[in-house]
Structures are given as structure tokens and as C-alpha cells.
Amino acid sequence: MKFFLLFFGLTLSLSGAPKQLLVLGQKPDGHPPGTHEYMPGARIVQALMAGHKDVQVTVAQADEPWAEGPGLIAKADGIVLFLNEGGRFIQDDPKRAKAFEAFAKRGGGFVVYHWGMGARDVKLIAPFLNLFGGCHGGPDRKYTVVKEAKFRVDAPNHPVMAGIESFELPFEEFYYQLKVPKPRKNWTSLVQVPIEGNVETVGWAWERPGGGRSVGYSGLHFHANWRHAQYQRLITQAVLWSLKQPVPKVGVKLQIKPEVLELCRR
């Protein structure tokens, strides 16, 4: 009886442990200042999650060779990927690729945005799709800067989009005509934008066949767009949903200091 109570108590303790979120960024990749700001963006994600006590955040600058990577991935429940050509980054190191694969098999949550979902080489598309459910990949990949971009909520009842309304962005670079899984089982278009006469999906959520969850958004090229509450809520709720944490029906309450949004490289 005593053993049972001890075991039961240990189980409750473990189940109540905070979810471990690993946010991956890198140093600047040669884009103009104010774009592809990986580490400043990672620190914003960390700040957005500060009010969520059930999530503990680790920010890692994942520049090569990033030898500690597989160990950090093994400890994580969720991963946010915002770095240079994520499809290539994952496969560059066999140990890293195996760590990502093992993470997915145990139901870990993925969130990716902008160039984090990139893969120039066609052979890298399929492995990335198996993890994230969307890829800006291959020589035929499409991207453009859209002025007066109309951010349209395509799935208002999905938890990731709770409390988020359609609005207009002064400018944003989007990847579009993304590669997606076939068939699109348990795959949901979250955000659409009119681009060059067509309505294109630029954000999605996917409940993977293995039980994990993945969310992607192809915007966030420009660091300045973090100032929009809709963007802050989108990424915060994507993280929570990917970790299988509850999302309020009215959307999360945002508690972020304005200075955190300022571009500061360190």
C-alpha cells in the first residue's frame, strides 16, 4: 500500500511537471537588418511564454556544429524552429536528424515559421514534411513581398486561431504554394493571404499520424511585424496547441513588454 501511494504520488508529480520548450535560432544569415532576425525572434517567443507557468523555455543558438543539439532535443516536449533553411539544418548532422525523428515519434510538438521551413534541395522536402506538415521547398518554391497584405483567418474555430481576427499588414514576405502532406488527413489551413490573384494558404496545423502536432506560418520575414498582437497570439497559441496545452476560447492574454519587441542583437 505504501509503495502504491509513493508510486501514485510520483506519477502525479511527473504529470504536473512543466512542458519543456526548445526555441532554436541562429546568428544573422546575410539578410538585411530587420529581416531573418532569428535570435531576437527566439527571445520574443520566450517572452511570450513567460506568463505560462506550465511551459519552461530554453533558447538555443543553433549555429554549426551545435554538438549539444541531440541532447537538448531529447529533453524537449516542443520545438520552435526559426533559422536558416530548416530542412537542410535538420539533415546536415545524422545525429541531429535521428534526434528530430525520435522526438516526432514520441509525440513532440513542432512550430516553424518563415525560413525555418526552407529546403532548397528536393530530397530534403519529404523528411521535413513528415515532421512539420508543410515545406517551402525545391527549385520551384514561391515567395514574394506583399504590400497591404490581407491576413485572413481560415479556421476561426481552431484553438491556434482563438481570439485572432483577420487584419491588414502593411507588408510581409510570404512563402506560398507550399508543399504539404498527401493526403491532407488531420491537416488544417489556418491562415490565407491573397497573392498574385490567388488565395494562398500560408499557415497550417497538422495532427501527425504518430500523435504529435505541428504548426507552421510562412510569414515573419520582417522583425517589425512582431508588433502586431495577432502575430504574437498566433505564435503563442501555436506553441500551446503543439504542446497539447489548453488555449482559452477568447485567446491568450498577451503580457509582453514593448522593449522586448525592439530589435536588439546580442
Protein backbone atom coordinates (compact mmCIF):
# COMPACT_ATOMS: atom_id res chain seq x y z
CA MET A 1 0.00 0.00 0.00
CA LYS A 2 2.82 2.37 0.94
CA PHE A 3 4.59 1.56 -2.34
CA PHE A 4 1.39 2.25 -4.29
CA LEU A 5 0.94 5.64 -2.63
CA LEU A 6 4.55 6.56 -3.30
CA PHE A 7 4.23 5.50 -6.94
CA PHE A 8 0.92 7.30 -7.31
CA GLY A 9 2.39 10.46 -5.83
CA LEU A 10 5.41 10.25 -8.14
CA THR A 11 3.12 9.84 -11.15
CA LEU A 12 1.15 12.94 -10.20
CA SER A 13 4.38 14.86 -9.71
CA LEU A 14 5.72 13.85 -13.09
CA SER A 15 2.44 14.61 -14.87
CA GLY A 16 2.44 18.08 -13.35
CA ALA A 17 5.97 18.92 -14.49
CA PRO A 18 6.27 21.89 -16.87
CA LYS A 19 6.48 21.16 -20.58
CA GLN A 20 9.97 21.77 -21.94
CA LEU A 21 10.03 24.08 -24.97
CA LEU A 22 13.22 24.39 -27.03
CA VAL A 23 13.36 27.54 -29.20
CA LEU A 24 16.03 27.40 -31.90
CA GLY A 25 17.57 30.42 -33.59
CA GLN A 26 20.84 31.31 -35.26
CA LYS A 27 23.11 34.26 -35.94
CA PRO A 28 22.22 36.56 -38.90
CA ASP A 29 22.37 34.80 -42.26
CA GLY A 30 23.26 37.75 -44.51
CA HIS A 31 19.76 39.16 -45.00
CA PRO A 32 19.35 42.92 -44.44
CA PRO A 33 18.96 44.05 -40.81
CA GLY A 34 15.36 43.76 -39.68
CA THR A 35 14.77 40.53 -41.61
CA HIS A 36 15.51 36.92 -40.66
CA GLU A 37 16.29 38.08 -37.13
CA TYR A 38 16.49 34.60 -35.66
CA MET A 39 17.78 35.17 -32.14
CA PRO A 40 15.75 38.33 -31.44
CA GLY A 41 12.70 36.40 -32.65
CA ALA A 42 13.56 33.48 -30.38
CA ARG A 43 13.75 35.82 -27.39
CA ILE A 44 10.30 37.20 -28.25
CA VAL A 45 8.88 33.67 -28.20
CA GLN A 46 10.50 33.18 -24.80
CA ALA A 47 8.92 36.42 -23.54
CA LEU A 48 5.50 35.47 -24.90
CA MET A 49 5.63 32.21 -22.96
CA ALA A 50 6.78 33.84 -19.70
CA GLY A 51 3.25 34.01 -18.28
CA HIS A 52 2.60 30.32 -18.94
CA LYS A 53 3.97 28.55 -15.89
CA ASP A 54 3.28 25.12 -17.37
CA VAL A 55 5.90 25.76 -20.07
CA GLN A 56 9.62 26.12 -19.40
CA VAL A 57 11.60 27.68 -22.25
CA THR A 58 15.17 27.07 -23.35
CA VAL A 59 16.55 29.31 -26.11
CA ALA A 60 19.46 27.87 -28.07
CA GLN A 61 21.61 29.48 -30.76
CA ALA A 62 21.91 26.50 -33.07
CA ASP A 63 24.86 27.53 -35.22
CA GLU A 64 27.05 24.72 -36.50
CA PRO A 65 28.35 22.42 -35.29
CA TRP A 66 25.74 22.62 -32.46
CA ALA A 67 27.10 19.47 -30.81
CA GLU A 68 24.74 19.78 -27.82
CA GLY A 69 21.71 19.67 -30.13
CA PRO A 70 20.69 15.99 -29.90
CA GLY A 71 20.84 16.14 -26.09
CA LEU A 72 18.64 19.25 -25.94
CA ILE A 73 16.15 17.75 -28.39
CA ALA A 74 15.93 14.58 -26.29
CA LYS A 75 14.82 16.64 -23.28
CA ALA A 76 12.22 18.73 -25.13
CA ASP A 77 8.45 18.36 -25.37
CA GLY A 78 8.17 21.06 -28.02
CA ILE A 79 10.48 22.72 -30.55
CA VAL A 80 10.15 26.10 -32.26
CA LEU A 81 12.26 26.34 -35.41
CA PHE A 82 13.30 29.74 -36.78
CA LEU A 83 16.64 29.53 -38.53
CA ASN A 84 18.41 29.28 -41.87
CA GLU A 85 16.86 26.63 -44.16
CA GLY A 86 15.41 24.31 -41.56
CA GLY A 87 15.03 21.35 -43.89
CA ARG A 88 18.76 21.35 -44.57
CA PHE A 89 19.67 22.16 -40.97
CA ILE A 90 17.93 19.05 -39.65
CA GLN A 91 19.59 16.71 -42.13
CA ASP A 92 23.09 18.26 -42.02
CA ASP A 93 24.02 16.14 -38.99
CA PRO A 94 22.91 12.46 -38.92
CA LYS A 95 22.72 12.52 -35.11
CA ARG A 96 20.55 15.63 -35.26
CA ALA A 97 18.28 14.08 -37.88
CA LYS A 98 17.81 10.98 -35.72
CA ALA A 99 17.06 13.15 -32.69
CA PHE A 100 14.34 15.02 -34.59
CA GLU A 101 12.89 11.75 -35.84
CA ALA A 102 12.84 10.27 -32.32
CA PHE A 103 11.27 13.48 -30.99
CA ALA A 104 8.45 13.20 -33.54
CA LYS A 105 7.86 9.52 -32.79
CA ARG A 106 7.30 10.25 -29.10
CA GLY A 107 4.68 12.87 -29.97
CA GLY A 108 6.67 16.08 -29.57
CA GLY A 109 5.17 19.35 -30.78
CA PHE A 110 6.66 21.38 -33.64
CA VAL A 111 6.23 25.06 -34.54
CA VAL A 112 8.03 26.53 -37.54
CA TYR A 113 7.93 29.86 -39.29
CA HIS A 114 9.49 31.53 -42.31
CA TRP A 115 12.91 30.23 -43.47
CA GLY A 116 12.80 27.61 -40.75
CA MET A 117 10.53 25.69 -43.15
CA GLY A 118 13.01 26.01 -46.03
CA ALA A 119 14.62 23.27 -48.12
CA ARG A 120 16.32 24.15 -51.39
CA ASP A 121 17.19 20.54 -52.22
CA VAL A 122 14.23 18.45 -53.39
CA LYS A 123 15.40 15.38 -51.48
CA LEU A 124 15.02 17.29 -48.19
CA ILE A 125 11.32 18.06 -48.70
CA ALA A 126 9.84 14.66 -47.78
CA PRO A 127 11.74 14.26 -44.48
CA PHE A 128 10.72 17.78 -43.47
CA LEU A 129 7.07 17.21 -44.41
CA ASN A 130 6.97 14.10 -42.23
CA LEU A 131 7.85 16.27 -39.24
CA PHE A 132 6.20 19.64 -39.86
CA GLY A 133 3.40 19.15 -42.42
CA GLY A 134 4.49 21.98 -44.72
CA CYS A 135 7.63 22.99 -46.60
CA HIS A 136 8.89 25.88 -48.71
CA GLY A 137 10.99 23.57 -50.81
CA GLY A 138 12.64 22.77 -54.11
CA PRO A 139 13.68 24.92 -57.08
CA ASP A 140 10.03 25.80 -57.79
CA ARG A 141 9.37 27.30 -54.36
CA LYS A 142 7.43 30.57 -54.39
CA TYR A 143 7.94 33.68 -52.26
CA THR A 144 7.14 37.37 -52.56
CA VAL A 145 6.76 40.56 -50.55
CA VAL A 146 3.10 41.53 -50.37
CA LYS A 147 2.15 45.12 -49.64
CA GLU A 148 -1.15 45.73 -47.84
CA ALA A 149 -1.29 42.01 -47.20
CA LYS A 150 -4.71 40.76 -46.10
CA PHE A 151 -4.17 38.21 -43.30
CA ARG A 152 -7.33 36.05 -43.42
CA VAL A 153 -8.32 33.66 -40.66
CA ASP A 154 -9.29 30.44 -42.45
CA ALA A 155 -10.15 28.27 -39.43
CA PRO A 156 -11.73 30.51 -36.75
CA ASN A 157 -12.74 27.54 -34.60
CA HIS A 158 -9.27 26.02 -34.40
CA PRO A 159 -7.58 26.59 -31.00
CA VAL A 160 -4.50 28.13 -32.63
CA MET A 161 -6.71 30.89 -34.07
CA ALA A 162 -8.68 31.66 -30.89
CA GLY A 163 -9.21 35.40 -30.49
CA ILE A 164 -7.41 36.17 -33.77
CA GLU A 165 -9.16 38.33 -36.35
CA SER A 166 -8.42 38.99 -39.98
CA PHE A 167 -6.44 42.20 -40.49
CA GLU A 168 -4.20 44.01 -42.97
CA LEU A 169 -0.42 44.09 -42.78
CA PRO A 170 1.48 47.00 -44.36
CA PHE A 171 3.95 44.47 -45.78
CA GLU A 172 5.10 40.89 -45.33
CA GLU A 173 7.10 38.33 -47.26
CA PHE A 174 5.23 35.07 -47.60
CA TYR A 175 6.19 31.67 -48.90
CA TYR A 176 3.25 30.19 -50.80
CA GLN A 177 2.22 27.21 -52.88
CA LEU A 178 3.81 25.22 -50.09
CA LYS A 179 4.46 21.51 -50.26
CA VAL A 180 2.03 19.70 -47.95
CA PRO A 181 1.32 16.06 -46.97
CA LYS A 182 -0.73 13.85 -49.25
CA PRO A 183 -3.39 13.01 -48.26
CA ARG A 184 -4.09 16.02 -46.01
CA LYS A 185 -5.58 13.97 -43.21
CA ASN A 186 -5.98 15.99 -39.99
CA TRP A 187 -4.30 18.92 -41.77
CA THR A 188 -5.97 22.33 -41.40
CA SER A 189 -5.42 25.57 -43.27
CA LEU A 190 -5.25 28.31 -40.62
CA VAL A 191 -4.24 31.49 -42.47
CA GLN A 192 -4.72 32.56 -46.07
CA VAL A 193 -3.47 35.60 -47.99
CA PRO A 194 -4.38 36.82 -51.49
CA ILE A 195 -1.17 36.66 -53.54
CA GLU A 196 -0.92 37.45 -57.25
CA GLY A 197 -4.63 36.89 -57.85
CA ASN A 198 -4.95 33.66 -55.87
CA VAL A 199 -5.84 32.91 -52.26
CA GLU A 200 -2.86 31.08 -50.78
CA THR A 201 -2.53 29.13 -47.53
CA VAL A 202 0.41 30.48 -45.53
CA GLY A 203 -0.34 28.90 -42.14
CA TRP A 204 -1.43 25.42 -41.11
CA ALA A 205 -1.92 23.00 -38.23
CA TRP A 206 -1.41 19.24 -38.51
CA GLU A 207 -2.17 16.38 -36.17
CA ARG A 208 0.51 13.96 -37.27
CA PRO A 209 -0.27 10.26 -37.83
CA GLY A 210 2.05 9.39 -34.94
CA GLY A 211 0.11 11.52 -32.49
CA GLY A 212 2.15 14.70 -32.34
CA ARG A 213 1.15 18.16 -33.51
CA SER A 214 2.81 20.60 -35.92
CA VAL A 215 2.07 24.24 -36.78
CA GLY A 216 3.64 26.41 -39.46
CA TYR A 217 3.39 30.01 -40.63
CA SER A 218 5.35 31.24 -43.64
CA GLY A 219 5.41 34.93 -42.67
CA LEU A 220 7.58 36.71 -40.08
CA HIS A 221 10.25 37.69 -42.58
CA PHE A 222 10.22 41.22 -41.17
CA HIS A 223 11.03 41.55 -37.48
CA ALA A 224 8.80 44.65 -37.26
CA ASN A 225 5.69 42.51 -37.74
CA TRP A 226 6.12 41.07 -34.25
CA ARG A 227 4.47 44.28 -33.03
CA HIS A 228 1.09 43.02 -34.20
CA ALA A 229 -0.90 41.39 -31.40
CA GLN A 230 -2.35 38.95 -33.95
CA TYR A 231 1.14 37.63 -34.67
CA GLN A 232 2.03 37.38 -31.00
CA ARG A 233 -1.16 35.47 -30.27
CA LEU A 234 -0.70 33.20 -33.31
CA ILE A 235 2.75 32.01 -32.27
CA THR A 236 1.87 31.74 -28.57
CA GLN A 237 -1.21 29.65 -29.26
CA ALA A 238 0.64 27.56 -31.84
CA VAL A 239 3.13 26.64 -29.12
CA LEU A 240 0.42 25.81 -26.59
CA TRP A 241 -1.57 23.71 -29.04
CA SER A 242 1.53 21.85 -30.23
CA LEU A 243 2.27 21.01 -26.57
CA LYS A 244 -1.35 19.87 -26.06
CA GLN A 245 -1.92 22.64 -23.56
CA PRO A 246 -5.31 24.38 -23.26
CA VAL A 247 -5.93 27.58 -25.24
CA PRO A 248 -8.63 29.96 -23.93
CA LYS A 249 -11.58 30.26 -26.32
CA VAL A 250 -11.15 34.04 -26.38
CA GLY A 251 -7.41 33.73 -27.00
CA VAL A 252 -4.47 34.05 -24.65
CA LYS A 253 -3.90 37.23 -22.70
CA LEU A 254 -0.76 38.87 -24.03
CA GLN A 255 1.71 40.14 -21.45
CA ILE A 256 4.82 41.33 -23.23
CA LYS A 257 6.85 44.46 -22.62
CA PRO A 258 7.22 46.73 -25.68
CA GLU A 259 11.00 46.85 -25.32
CA VAL A 260 11.19 43.09 -25.91
CA LEU A 261 9.93 43.68 -29.44
CA GLU A 262 12.73 46.11 -30.27
CA LEU A 263 15.44 44.71 -32.48
CA CYS A 264 18.44 44.05 -30.29
CA ARG A 265 21.18 41.68 -31.41
CA ARG A 266 23.35 40.21 -28.71
